[in-house]
Amino acid sequence: MKKIKAFIYIFTNSLLSTKYYKEILKTPFSFSIKYLFILSFVLAFISSAASTYIRVPILKDTLLQFKQSVIQVYPDDLEVYINEGNWSINKQEPFAIKTPQYLLETENNQTAQDETYQSMVPNNFIVFDTDGTINDFYEADTLMLLNEKNLLIKEESGYRTIVNEIDENQNVVITKESFIEDLKPIDSITNYLDYIFFFIFFVVLFIYFFIYRTFYLIFVAIILKLINIFIKPTLDFKEIYRVGLHSMTLPLILETMLISGNTSLSLNIDWFLLLNITIGTLVILSATKFDEA
């Protein structure tokens, strides 16, 4: 409980009291590093929790809609035979499976919102054509074309080729029922998506807040050191670094709010750096005699 109160005290004064920075410089350098570590942990936790609450339901809905769309377009009577390193189907080739309606609607909505947006989703999802060529791939208006040896996949700049490496000892028949069974792991993923998303997001944010910002503060300290020279050159580089660290509290809070709300500031300047430098400069200006610290 005492540690929590101590953190709140440091946090509050780092935000509101420029005079408190004199007290900070009386403490070991590790004091400030520990503060940043705890602050990064708390802010990463808050932002991860908020982002999980806002974004995961959307991700779950997207996964489930995609699964249902894929199931709907898979023909009820289509059977894919894989035998001795080769594939075949019980349909006359070339045979096309249409693109799931969900993907088409998503692309149409994106195109309607942005006139410059180039749609990447064709009408066909995959075309089975043993003798299919690159020309057939383009003419088929498909995302993928599977021929005897390769899988051609549409990309923004053209196409990508993946060599079919089917196990010669494999002997499988893929039906709609087995295909649906193979999609069941999606349900397991959605059940644990909250925990997976939170953990990954938390780790990434903590690294960003603590590790990345620790190195970023070297640049901040250099700028503040130059400013300090013109005001009153009484602080060494390590002290200036600590001023930059604690004056980063407000920018980190604002950044956490933006990340949590999945928004950003549309500015042509680095607002985080500018705010950090401004607060750090105010601290230096308000305490012209840090020698007493």
Protein backbone atom coordinates (compact mmCIF):
# COMPACT_ATOMS: atom_id res chain seq x y z
CA MET A 1 0.00 0.00 0.00
CA LYS A 2 2.88 2.37 0.82
CA LYS A 3 4.45 1.70 -2.59
CA ILE A 4 1.16 2.49 -4.33
CA LYS A 5 0.83 5.76 -2.40
CA ALA A 6 4.46 6.59 -3.20
CA PHE A 7 3.88 5.99 -6.91
CA ILE A 8 0.72 8.13 -6.90
CA TYR A 9 2.66 10.90 -5.13
CA ILE A 10 5.49 10.80 -7.70
CA PHE A 11 3.02 10.56 -10.58
CA THR A 12 0.91 13.50 -9.38
CA ASN A 13 3.87 15.77 -8.70
CA SER A 14 5.57 14.87 -11.96
CA LEU A 15 2.40 16.16 -13.62
CA LEU A 16 1.59 19.19 -11.48
CA SER A 17 4.65 20.45 -9.60
CA THR A 18 7.77 21.77 -11.31
CA LYS A 19 9.32 22.40 -7.88
CA TYR A 20 9.09 18.68 -7.10
CA TYR A 21 11.79 18.01 -9.68
CA LYS A 22 14.38 19.35 -7.17
CA GLU A 23 13.39 16.48 -4.85
CA ILE A 24 13.72 14.00 -7.69
CA LEU A 25 17.34 14.94 -8.26
CA LYS A 26 18.15 14.14 -4.63
CA THR A 27 17.28 10.50 -5.26
CA PRO A 28 19.36 7.83 -7.09
CA PHE A 29 19.06 7.58 -10.89
CA SER A 30 17.36 4.19 -10.43
CA PHE A 31 14.47 6.01 -8.72
CA SER A 32 13.41 7.54 -12.03
CA ILE A 33 13.93 4.32 -13.99
CA LYS A 34 11.73 2.42 -11.52
CA TYR A 35 9.09 5.15 -11.88
CA LEU A 36 9.09 4.81 -15.66
CA PHE A 37 8.95 1.01 -15.36
CA ILE A 38 5.85 1.12 -13.11
CA LEU A 39 4.22 3.90 -15.14
CA SER A 40 4.79 1.91 -18.37
CA PHE A 41 3.30 -1.20 -16.74
CA VAL A 42 0.19 0.67 -15.53
CA LEU A 43 -0.41 2.54 -18.79
CA ALA A 44 0.17 -0.60 -20.89
CA PHE A 45 -2.31 -2.49 -18.71
CA ILE A 46 -4.97 0.24 -18.95
CA SER A 47 -4.56 0.66 -22.70
CA SER A 48 -4.57 -3.10 -23.32
CA ALA A 49 -7.73 -3.56 -21.24
CA ALA A 50 -9.52 -0.70 -23.04
CA SER A 51 -8.38 -1.87 -26.49
CA THR A 52 -9.44 -5.44 -25.71
CA TYR A 53 -12.88 -4.23 -24.65
CA ILE A 54 -13.32 -2.10 -27.80
CA ARG A 55 -11.62 -4.16 -30.50
CA VAL A 56 -11.96 -7.83 -29.62
CA PRO A 57 -15.76 -8.01 -30.10
CA ILE A 58 -15.23 -6.59 -33.61
CA LEU A 59 -12.47 -9.13 -34.31
CA LYS A 60 -14.63 -11.98 -33.05
CA ASP A 61 -17.53 -10.89 -35.22
CA THR A 62 -15.21 -10.61 -38.24
CA LEU A 63 -13.79 -14.10 -37.72
CA LEU A 64 -17.21 -15.70 -37.29
CA GLN A 65 -18.67 -13.88 -40.30
CA PHE A 66 -15.71 -14.91 -42.42
CA LYS A 67 -16.07 -18.53 -41.29
CA GLN A 68 -19.78 -18.59 -42.14
CA SER A 69 -19.18 -16.92 -45.51
CA VAL A 70 -16.50 -19.46 -46.44
CA ILE A 71 -18.76 -22.35 -45.44
CA GLN A 72 -21.63 -20.95 -47.52
CA VAL A 73 -19.58 -20.65 -50.73
CA TYR A 74 -18.08 -24.14 -50.45
CA PRO A 75 -20.22 -26.31 -52.78
CA ASP A 76 -22.14 -29.05 -50.98
CA ASP A 77 -21.09 -31.72 -53.46
CA LEU A 78 -17.49 -30.66 -54.10
CA GLU A 79 -14.88 -33.30 -53.30
CA VAL A 80 -11.13 -32.70 -53.55
CA TYR A 81 -8.99 -35.81 -53.88
CA ILE A 82 -5.32 -35.77 -52.86
CA ASN A 83 -3.47 -38.92 -53.85
CA GLU A 84 0.22 -39.70 -54.43
CA GLY A 85 1.27 -36.05 -54.68
CA ASN A 86 -1.51 -35.03 -57.04
CA TRP A 87 -4.94 -33.43 -56.64
CA SER A 88 -8.20 -33.75 -58.53
CA ILE A 89 -11.86 -32.81 -58.07
CA ASN A 90 -15.20 -34.35 -58.91
CA LYS A 91 -16.11 -31.35 -61.10
CA GLN A 92 -15.41 -30.34 -64.66
CA GLU A 93 -12.41 -28.01 -64.85
CA PRO A 94 -11.90 -25.13 -64.72
CA PHE A 95 -14.08 -24.96 -61.61
CA ALA A 96 -14.46 -21.75 -59.59
CA ILE A 97 -15.51 -21.10 -56.01
CA LYS A 98 -16.99 -17.64 -55.62
CA THR A 99 -15.55 -15.10 -53.19
CA PRO A 100 -17.45 -15.01 -49.88
CA GLN A 101 -20.08 -12.28 -49.90
CA TYR A 102 -18.71 -10.91 -46.65
CA LEU A 103 -15.37 -10.06 -48.28
CA LEU A 104 -17.07 -8.48 -51.30
CA GLU A 105 -19.27 -6.31 -49.09
CA THR A 106 -16.25 -5.23 -47.03
CA GLU A 107 -14.36 -4.23 -50.16
CA ASN A 108 -17.38 -2.40 -51.59
CA ASN A 109 -17.77 -0.42 -48.37
CA GLN A 110 -14.08 0.49 -48.40
CA THR A 111 -14.25 1.56 -52.05
CA ALA A 112 -17.33 3.69 -51.35
CA GLN A 113 -15.54 5.44 -48.47
CA ASP A 114 -12.33 6.06 -50.38
CA GLU A 115 -12.56 6.81 -54.10
CA THR A 116 -8.82 6.21 -54.52
CA TYR A 117 -9.01 2.74 -52.96
CA GLN A 118 -8.07 -0.09 -55.35
CA SER A 119 -10.04 -3.25 -54.68
CA MET A 120 -7.96 -6.42 -54.39
CA VAL A 121 -10.87 -8.84 -54.06
CA PRO A 122 -12.04 -10.44 -57.35
CA ASN A 123 -15.35 -12.25 -57.93
CA ASN A 124 -13.80 -15.72 -57.66
CA PHE A 125 -11.99 -16.91 -54.55
CA ILE A 126 -10.19 -19.90 -56.11
CA VAL A 127 -10.23 -21.61 -59.50
CA PHE A 128 -9.27 -25.27 -59.87
CA ASP A 129 -7.65 -25.79 -63.28
CA THR A 130 -5.04 -28.51 -63.72
CA ASP A 131 -3.79 -26.97 -66.98
CA GLY A 132 -4.27 -23.36 -65.88
CA THR A 133 -1.71 -20.78 -67.01
CA ILE A 134 -0.89 -17.22 -66.01
CA ASN A 135 -3.21 -15.98 -68.76
CA ASP A 136 -6.00 -18.14 -67.38
CA PHE A 137 -5.27 -16.69 -63.94
CA TYR A 138 -5.82 -13.13 -65.13
CA GLU A 139 -8.85 -14.00 -67.27
CA ALA A 140 -10.55 -15.93 -64.45
CA ASP A 141 -10.83 -12.82 -62.18
CA THR A 142 -9.78 -14.91 -59.19
CA LEU A 143 -7.83 -14.46 -55.99
CA MET A 144 -6.14 -17.85 -56.44
CA LEU A 145 -5.68 -20.37 -59.22
CA LEU A 146 -4.59 -23.92 -58.48
CA ASN A 147 -3.02 -25.82 -61.34
CA GLU A 148 -1.19 -29.13 -61.39
CA LYS A 149 2.09 -27.81 -59.97
CA ASN A 150 1.49 -24.35 -58.52
CA LEU A 151 -0.84 -22.08 -56.62
CA LEU A 152 -1.05 -18.59 -58.11
CA ILE A 153 -2.11 -15.86 -55.67
CA LYS A 154 -3.14 -12.34 -56.66
CA GLU A 155 -1.09 -9.47 -55.29
CA GLU A 156 -1.25 -5.72 -55.75
CA SER A 157 1.70 -5.72 -58.14
CA GLY A 158 0.78 -8.92 -59.98
CA TYR A 159 0.84 -12.45 -58.59
CA ARG A 160 2.84 -14.77 -56.36
CA THR A 161 3.58 -18.44 -57.09
CA ILE A 162 3.66 -21.17 -54.47
CA VAL A 163 4.82 -24.62 -55.55
CA ASN A 164 2.40 -27.41 -54.65
CA GLU A 165 4.31 -29.69 -52.31
CA ILE A 166 1.79 -32.43 -51.64
CA ASP A 167 3.02 -35.40 -49.66
CA GLU A 168 3.19 -38.35 -52.02
CA ASN A 169 2.09 -40.66 -49.21
CA GLN A 170 -0.99 -38.56 -48.46
CA ASN A 171 -4.35 -39.97 -49.47
CA VAL A 172 -7.18 -37.63 -48.48
CA VAL A 173 -10.67 -36.73 -49.63
CA ILE A 174 -11.82 -33.22 -48.67
CA THR A 175 -15.59 -32.82 -48.51
CA LYS A 176 -17.69 -29.97 -47.20
CA GLU A 177 -18.16 -31.85 -43.93
CA SER A 178 -14.41 -32.33 -43.42
CA PHE A 179 -13.80 -28.73 -44.48
CA ILE A 180 -16.21 -27.46 -41.81
CA GLU A 181 -14.46 -29.69 -39.28
CA ASP A 182 -11.11 -28.12 -40.22
CA LEU A 183 -12.55 -24.67 -39.48
CA LYS A 184 -13.49 -25.55 -35.90
CA PRO A 185 -10.21 -24.16 -34.46
CA ILE A 186 -11.57 -20.71 -35.33
CA ASP A 187 -14.16 -21.20 -32.57
CA SER A 188 -11.41 -22.03 -30.09
CA ILE A 189 -9.49 -18.94 -31.13
CA THR A 190 -12.52 -16.69 -30.61
CA ASN A 191 -13.07 -18.18 -27.13
CA TYR A 192 -9.56 -17.19 -26.03
CA LEU A 193 -9.18 -14.11 -28.23
CA ASP A 194 -9.64 -11.71 -25.28
CA TYR A 195 -6.68 -13.19 -23.42
CA ILE A 196 -4.50 -13.57 -26.53
CA PHE A 197 -5.16 -10.02 -27.69
CA PHE A 198 -4.64 -8.52 -24.22
CA PHE A 199 -1.36 -10.38 -23.64
CA ILE A 200 0.16 -9.50 -27.04
CA PHE A 201 -1.03 -5.90 -26.89
CA PHE A 202 0.25 -5.50 -23.32
CA VAL A 203 3.72 -6.87 -24.12
CA VAL A 204 4.06 -4.69 -27.24
CA LEU A 205 2.90 -1.55 -25.43
CA PHE A 206 5.10 -2.16 -22.40
CA ILE A 207 8.14 -2.56 -24.65
CA TYR A 208 7.12 0.60 -26.49
CA PHE A 209 6.50 2.68 -23.34
CA PHE A 210 9.52 1.48 -21.37
CA ILE A 211 12.24 0.25 -23.74
CA TYR A 212 11.65 2.49 -26.75
CA ARG A 213 10.96 5.62 -24.68
CA THR A 214 14.07 5.00 -22.59
CA PHE A 215 16.22 5.43 -25.70
CA TYR A 216 14.00 8.21 -27.03
CA LEU A 217 14.76 10.19 -23.84
CA ILE A 218 18.43 10.45 -24.85
CA PHE A 219 17.34 12.64 -27.77
CA VAL A 220 15.05 14.64 -25.45
CA ALA A 221 17.91 15.11 -22.98
CA ILE A 222 20.20 16.42 -25.73
CA ILE A 223 17.63 19.06 -26.71
CA LEU A 224 16.93 20.04 -23.09
CA LYS A 225 20.68 20.21 -22.41
CA LEU A 226 21.10 22.70 -25.24
CA ILE A 227 18.18 24.74 -23.88
CA ASN A 228 19.64 24.56 -20.37
CA ILE A 229 22.97 25.97 -21.59
CA PHE A 230 21.25 29.18 -22.64
CA ILE A 231 19.20 29.42 -19.42
CA LYS A 232 21.63 28.42 -16.67
CA PRO A 233 24.09 25.58 -17.23
CA THR A 234 23.83 23.99 -13.81
CA LEU A 235 22.55 20.50 -14.67
CA ASP A 236 24.60 17.60 -15.96
CA PHE A 237 23.34 15.31 -18.70
CA LYS A 238 22.08 12.61 -16.32
CA GLU A 239 19.97 15.16 -14.41
CA ILE A 240 18.59 16.60 -17.64
CA TYR A 241 17.69 13.05 -18.71
CA ARG A 242 15.66 12.62 -15.51
CA VAL A 243 13.88 15.93 -16.06
CA GLY A 244 12.89 14.68 -19.53
CA LEU A 245 11.78 11.34 -18.10
CA HIS A 246 9.41 12.75 -15.49
CA SER A 247 8.15 15.50 -17.81
CA MET A 248 7.15 12.70 -20.21
CA THR A 249 4.34 11.69 -17.83
CA LEU A 250 1.65 13.88 -19.44
CA PRO A 251 2.56 12.95 -23.05
CA LEU A 252 2.44 9.25 -22.08
CA ILE A 253 -1.02 9.67 -20.56
CA LEU A 254 -2.33 11.42 -23.69
CA GLU A 255 -0.76 8.77 -25.91
CA THR A 256 -2.38 6.03 -23.83
CA MET A 257 -5.78 7.70 -24.27
CA LEU A 258 -5.28 7.88 -28.05
CA ILE A 259 -4.18 4.24 -28.28
CA SER A 260 -7.07 3.09 -26.09
CA GLY A 261 -9.58 4.95 -28.22
CA ASN A 262 -7.94 3.76 -31.47
CA THR A 263 -7.49 7.38 -32.58
CA SER A 264 -4.60 9.66 -33.51
CA LEU A 265 -3.81 13.36 -33.70
CA SER A 266 -3.73 14.59 -37.29
CA LEU A 267 -0.82 16.98 -36.83
CA ASN A 268 2.16 17.70 -39.05
CA ILE A 269 4.43 17.86 -35.99
CA ASP A 270 5.60 15.36 -33.40
CA TRP A 271 3.22 16.49 -30.66
CA PHE A 272 4.65 14.00 -28.15
CA LEU A 273 8.20 15.33 -28.49
CA LEU A 274 7.04 18.96 -28.57
CA LEU A 275 4.96 18.56 -25.40
CA ASN A 276 7.75 16.66 -23.65
CA ILE A 277 10.32 19.37 -24.50
CA THR A 278 7.91 22.16 -23.51
CA ILE A 279 7.24 20.69 -20.06
CA GLY A 280 10.93 19.93 -19.54
CA THR A 281 11.82 23.52 -20.46
CA LEU A 282 9.23 24.89 -18.03
CA VAL A 283 10.77 22.77 -15.28
CA ILE A 284 14.22 24.20 -16.03
CA LEU A 285 12.87 27.76 -16.21
CA SER A 286 10.96 27.49 -12.93
CA ALA A 287 13.98 26.19 -11.02
CA THR A 288 16.94 28.31 -12.06
CA LYS A 289 19.10 27.08 -9.21
CA PHE A 290 19.22 23.33 -9.34
CA ASP A 291 22.63 23.48 -7.60
CA GLU A 292 20.67 23.41 -4.34
CA ALA A 293 19.07 20.13 -5.31
